């Protein structure tokens, strides 16, 4: 089932998710390095979380548009709902982590790190669900897609 929201022939949601996933994951990695090595990486984590939450909200808009196009009473609709709800929880956990960091972004309290770790663990699950939607259920994939399909920029359908 092809995506409902596309840019240059590709699903916008799938293009955007790399930003929140990368930013939020790197914030946690910087936190781990800060805790282990004592390096001053708390402030970059603070800003990466802010950017990750904002970009996650933007990606969610396009994910919701795609979810609306999934036929009702299908496994894909259910998996998409779990994927979406889980990602809302991920963004809320990171937003709360960011809020706790606001008092001293360079040296955040332990609760901020724990919330980010929980958010990262849940993001692994919701990322798997997103992969299930695309790879197993064919959501966001052009009808007739194949290994010799023409470029999406050609204007020709994948099945030609």
C-alpha atoms as a PDB file:
ATOM      1  CA  UNK A   1       0.000   0.000   0.000  1.00  0.00           C
ATOM      2  CA  UNK A   2       1.547   3.280  -1.120  1.00  0.00           C
ATOM      3  CA  UNK A   3       2.059   6.142   1.312  1.00  0.00           C
ATOM      4  CA  UNK A   4      -0.555   8.902   1.419  1.00  0.00           C
ATOM      5  CA  UNK A   5       1.994  11.732   1.865  1.00  0.00           C
ATOM      6  CA  UNK A   6       4.924  11.748  -0.554  1.00  0.00           C
ATOM      7  CA  UNK A   7       7.728  14.043  -1.636  1.00  0.00           C
ATOM      8  CA  UNK A   8       9.522  13.273  -4.901  1.00  0.00           C
ATOM      9  CA  UNK A   9       7.749   9.918  -4.964  1.00  0.00           C
ATOM     10  CA  UNK A  10       8.876   8.766  -1.500  1.00  0.00           C
ATOM     11  CA  UNK A  11       6.958   8.608   1.792  1.00  0.00           C
ATOM     12  CA  UNK A  12       7.614  11.739   3.851  1.00  0.00           C
ATOM     13  CA  UNK A  13       7.174   9.920   7.175  1.00  0.00           C
ATOM     14  CA  UNK A  14       9.902   7.421   6.304  1.00  0.00           C
ATOM     15  CA  UNK A  15      12.215  10.267   5.296  1.00  0.00           C
ATOM     16  CA  UNK A  16      11.656  12.203   8.519  1.00  0.00           C
ATOM     17  CA  UNK A  17      11.936   9.480  11.152  1.00  0.00           C
ATOM     18  CA  UNK A  18      15.707   9.361  10.833  1.00  0.00           C
ATOM     19  CA  UNK A  19      15.948  12.758  12.541  1.00  0.00           C
ATOM     20  CA  UNK A  20      14.215  12.038  15.855  1.00  0.00           C
ATOM     21  CA  UNK A  21      15.667   8.531  16.030  1.00  0.00           C
ATOM     22  CA  UNK A  22      19.200   9.776  15.409  1.00  0.00           C
ATOM     23  CA  UNK A  23      18.978  12.836  17.628  1.00  0.00           C
ATOM     24  CA  UNK A  24      17.379  11.074  20.580  1.00  0.00           C
ATOM     25  CA  UNK A  25      19.708   8.081  20.354  1.00  0.00           C
ATOM     26  CA  UNK A  26      22.766  10.329  20.170  1.00  0.00           C
ATOM     27  CA  UNK A  27      21.558  12.284  23.199  1.00  0.00           C
ATOM     28  CA  UNK A  28      21.542   9.048  25.197  1.00  0.00           C
ATOM     29  CA  UNK A  29      24.934   8.012  23.822  1.00  0.00           C
ATOM     30  CA  UNK A  30      26.342  11.418  24.818  1.00  0.00           C
ATOM     31  CA  UNK A  31      24.817  10.951  28.277  1.00  0.00           C
ATOM     32  CA  UNK A  32      26.512   7.567  28.618  1.00  0.00           C
ATOM     33  CA  UNK A  33      29.864   9.028  27.534  1.00  0.00           C
ATOM     34  CA  UNK A  34      29.350  11.921  29.975  1.00  0.00           C
ATOM     35  CA  UNK A  35      28.674   9.516  32.828  1.00  0.00           C
ATOM     36  CA  UNK A  36      31.543   7.156  32.033  1.00  0.00           C
ATOM     37  CA  UNK A  37      34.239   9.618  31.016  1.00  0.00           C
ATOM     38  CA  UNK A  38      33.058  12.727  32.819  1.00  0.00           C
ATOM     39  CA  UNK A  39      33.094  14.738  29.599  1.00  0.00           C
ATOM     40  CA  UNK A  40      30.965  17.881  29.263  1.00  0.00           C
ATOM     41  CA  UNK A  41      28.324  16.454  26.913  1.00  0.00           C
ATOM     42  CA  UNK A  42      25.212  17.297  28.929  1.00  0.00           C
ATOM     43  CA  UNK A  43      24.503  20.502  27.025  1.00  0.00           C
ATOM     44  CA  UNK A  44      24.649  18.899  23.552  1.00  0.00           C
ATOM     45  CA  UNK A  45      22.287  16.162  24.837  1.00  0.00           C
ATOM     46  CA  UNK A  46      19.889  18.851  26.023  1.00  0.00           C
ATOM     47  CA  UNK A  47      19.708  20.435  22.578  1.00  0.00           C
ATOM     48  CA  UNK A  48      19.569  17.099  20.743  1.00  0.00           C
ATOM     49  CA  UNK A  49      16.558  16.080  22.825  1.00  0.00           C
ATOM     50  CA  UNK A  50      14.775  19.346  22.008  1.00  0.00           C
ATOM     51  CA  UNK A  51      15.460  18.872  18.288  1.00  0.00           C
ATOM     52  CA  UNK A  52      14.527  15.179  18.488  1.00  0.00           C
ATOM     53  CA  UNK A  53      11.172  15.861  20.121  1.00  0.00           C
ATOM     54  CA  UNK A  54      10.318  18.632  17.638  1.00  0.00           C
ATOM     55  CA  UNK A  55      11.334  16.541  14.629  1.00  0.00           C
ATOM     56  CA  UNK A  56       9.419  13.591  16.093  1.00  0.00           C
ATOM     57  CA  UNK A  57       6.262  15.682  16.229  1.00  0.00           C
ATOM     58  CA  UNK A  58       6.723  16.688  12.594  1.00  0.00           C
ATOM     59  CA  UNK A  59       7.278  13.051  11.550  1.00  0.00           C
ATOM     60  CA  UNK A  60       4.189  12.048  13.523  1.00  0.00           C
ATOM     61  CA  UNK A  61       1.965  14.318  11.431  1.00  0.00           C
ATOM     62  CA  UNK A  62       2.939  12.456   8.258  1.00  0.00           C
ATOM     63  CA  UNK A  63       2.733   9.083   9.996  1.00  0.00           C
ATOM     64  CA  UNK A  64      -0.824   9.922  11.052  1.00  0.00           C
ATOM     65  CA  UNK A  65      -1.725  10.838   7.470  1.00  0.00           C
ATOM     66  CA  UNK A  66      -0.392   7.467   6.299  1.00  0.00           C
ATOM     67  CA  UNK A  67      -2.173   5.622   9.132  1.00  0.00           C
ATOM     68  CA  UNK A  68      -5.500   7.163   8.086  1.00  0.00           C
ATOM     69  CA  UNK A  69      -5.055   5.529   4.667  1.00  0.00           C
ATOM     70  CA  UNK A  70      -4.648   2.004   6.056  1.00  0.00           C
ATOM     71  CA  UNK A  71      -7.813  -0.086   5.634  1.00  0.00           C
ATOM     72  CA  UNK A  72      -9.856  -0.530   8.821  1.00  0.00           C
ATOM     73  CA  UNK A  73      -9.919  -3.835  10.705  1.00  0.00           C
ATOM     74  CA  UNK A  74      -6.554  -4.968   9.358  1.00  0.00           C
ATOM     75  CA  UNK A  75      -3.458  -6.106  11.202  1.00  0.00           C
ATOM     76  CA  UNK A  76      -1.625  -3.138   9.672  1.00  0.00           C
ATOM     77  CA  UNK A  77      -4.102  -0.658  11.191  1.00  0.00           C
ATOM     78  CA  UNK A  78      -3.603  -2.247  14.623  1.00  0.00           C
ATOM     79  CA  UNK A  79       0.196  -2.386  14.353  1.00  0.00           C
ATOM     80  CA  UNK A  80       0.193   1.211  13.132  1.00  0.00           C
ATOM     81  CA  UNK A  81      -1.816   2.293  16.164  1.00  0.00           C
ATOM     82  CA  UNK A  82       0.604   0.555  18.567  1.00  0.00           C
ATOM     83  CA  UNK A  83       3.535   2.101  16.647  1.00  0.00           C
ATOM     84  CA  UNK A  84       2.009   5.580  16.903  1.00  0.00           C
ATOM     85  CA  UNK A  85       0.944   5.357  20.551  1.00  0.00           C
ATOM     86  CA  UNK A  86       4.321   3.966  21.546  1.00  0.00           C
ATOM     87  CA  UNK A  87       6.093   6.795  19.763  1.00  0.00           C
ATOM     88  CA  UNK A  88       3.910   9.365  21.521  1.00  0.00           C
ATOM     89  CA  UNK A  89       5.054   7.841  24.821  1.00  0.00           C
ATOM     90  CA  UNK A  90       8.690   7.981  23.599  1.00  0.00           C
ATOM     91  CA  UNK A  91       8.337  11.690  22.806  1.00  0.00           C
ATOM     92  CA  UNK A  92       6.662  12.379  26.156  1.00  0.00           C
ATOM     93  CA  UNK A  93       9.436  10.561  28.050  1.00  0.00           C
ATOM     94  CA  UNK A  94      12.105  12.547  26.227  1.00  0.00           C
ATOM     95  CA  UNK A  95      10.185  15.815  26.679  1.00  0.00           C
ATOM     96  CA  UNK A  96      10.017  15.192  30.433  1.00  0.00           C
ATOM     97  CA  UNK A  97      13.718  14.287  30.412  1.00  0.00           C
ATOM     98  CA  UNK A  98      14.410  17.565  28.614  1.00  0.00           C
ATOM     99  CA  UNK A  99      12.343  19.470  31.174  1.00  0.00           C
ATOM    100  CA  UNK A 100      14.320  17.938  34.057  1.00  0.00           C
ATOM    101  CA  UNK A 101      17.528  18.939  32.297  1.00  0.00           C
ATOM    102  CA  UNK A 102      16.443  22.576  32.066  1.00  0.00           C
ATOM    103  CA  UNK A 103      17.631  23.458  35.544  1.00  0.00           C
ATOM    104  CA  UNK A 104      21.230  22.524  34.705  1.00  0.00           C
ATOM    105  CA  UNK A 105      21.553  21.257  31.109  1.00  0.00           C
ATOM    106  CA  UNK A 106      25.284  20.604  31.493  1.00  0.00           C
ATOM    107  CA  UNK A 107      24.770  18.312  34.500  1.00  0.00           C
ATOM    108  CA  UNK A 108      21.262  16.826  34.396  1.00  0.00           C
ATOM    109  CA  UNK A 109      19.809  14.816  37.264  1.00  0.00           C
ATOM    110  CA  UNK A 110      19.728  11.022  37.132  1.00  0.00           C
ATOM    111  CA  UNK A 111      15.974  10.959  36.534  1.00  0.00           C
ATOM    112  CA  UNK A 112      16.501  12.756  33.206  1.00  0.00           C
ATOM    113  CA  UNK A 113      18.926  10.052  32.094  1.00  0.00           C
ATOM    114  CA  UNK A 114      16.649   7.225  33.275  1.00  0.00           C
ATOM    115  CA  UNK A 115      13.677   8.663  31.366  1.00  0.00           C
ATOM    116  CA  UNK A 116      15.805   8.947  28.233  1.00  0.00           C
ATOM    117  CA  UNK A 117      16.965   5.336  28.633  1.00  0.00           C
ATOM    118  CA  UNK A 118      13.380   4.119  29.002  1.00  0.00           C
ATOM    119  CA  UNK A 119      12.408   6.197  25.961  1.00  0.00           C
ATOM    120  CA  UNK A 120      15.239   4.645  23.963  1.00  0.00           C
ATOM    121  CA  UNK A 121      14.183   1.127  24.923  1.00  0.00           C
ATOM    122  CA  UNK A 122      10.614   1.838  23.879  1.00  0.00           C
ATOM    123  CA  UNK A 123      11.842   3.447  20.633  1.00  0.00           C
ATOM    124  CA  UNK A 124      13.530   0.145  19.762  1.00  0.00           C
ATOM    125  CA  UNK A 125      10.151  -1.574  20.072  1.00  0.00           C
ATOM    126  CA  UNK A 126       8.253   1.082  18.106  1.00  0.00           C
ATOM    127  CA  UNK A 127      10.983   1.104  15.466  1.00  0.00           C
ATOM    128  CA  UNK A 128      10.526  -2.645  15.073  1.00  0.00           C
ATOM    129  CA  UNK A 129       6.778  -2.073  14.710  1.00  0.00           C
ATOM    130  CA  UNK A 130       7.480   0.503  11.989  1.00  0.00           C
ATOM    131  CA  UNK A 131       9.678  -2.019  10.237  1.00  0.00           C
ATOM    132  CA  UNK A 132       6.897  -4.571  10.532  1.00  0.00           C
ATOM    133  CA  UNK A 133       4.538  -2.114   8.845  1.00  0.00           C
ATOM    134  CA  UNK A 134       6.863  -1.530   5.898  1.00  0.00           C
ATOM    135  CA  UNK A 135       8.749  -4.800   5.465  1.00  0.00           C
ATOM    136  CA  UNK A 136       6.095  -7.320   6.430  1.00  0.00           C
ATOM    137  CA  UNK A 137       2.805  -5.546   5.788  1.00  0.00           C
ATOM    138  CA  UNK A 138       3.860  -3.430   2.790  1.00  0.00           C
ATOM    139  CA  UNK A 139       2.680  -0.089   4.178  1.00  0.00           C
ATOM    140  CA  UNK A 140       4.360   2.824   2.428  1.00  0.00           C
ATOM    141  CA  UNK A 141       5.480   0.614  -0.472  1.00  0.00           C
ATOM    142  CA  UNK A 142       4.412   1.362  -4.037  1.00  0.00           C
ATOM    143  CA  UNK A 143       2.124  -1.176  -5.651  1.00  0.00           C
ATOM    144  CA  UNK A 144       4.116  -3.240  -8.103  1.00  0.00           C
ATOM    145  CA  UNK A 145       7.478  -2.332  -6.544  1.00  0.00           C
ATOM    146  CA  UNK A 146      10.273  -4.567  -7.829  1.00  0.00           C
ATOM    147  CA  UNK A 147      14.054  -4.627  -8.240  1.00  0.00           C
ATOM    148  CA  UNK A 148      13.969  -3.000 -11.698  1.00  0.00           C
ATOM    149  CA  UNK A 149      11.247  -0.428 -11.035  1.00  0.00           C
ATOM    150  CA  UNK A 150      11.828   2.953 -12.694  1.00  0.00           C
ATOM    151  CA  UNK A 151      12.973   5.921 -10.618  1.00  0.00           C
ATOM    152  CA  UNK A 152      10.276   7.643  -8.599  1.00  0.00           C
ATOM    153  CA  UNK A 153      11.304  10.850 -10.375  1.00  0.00           C
ATOM    154  CA  UNK A 154      10.445   9.362 -13.802  1.00  0.00           C
ATOM    155  CA  UNK A 155       6.719   9.783 -13.256  1.00  0.00           C
ATOM    156  CA  UNK A 156       6.156   6.167 -14.354  1.00  0.00           C
ATOM    157  CA  UNK A 157       4.493   3.680 -11.979  1.00  0.00           C
ATOM    158  CA  UNK A 158       6.657   1.076 -10.278  1.00  0.00           C
ATOM    159  CA  UNK A 159       4.814  -1.738 -12.046  1.00  0.00           C
ATOM    160  CA  UNK A 160       5.848  -0.680 -15.556  1.00  0.00           C
END
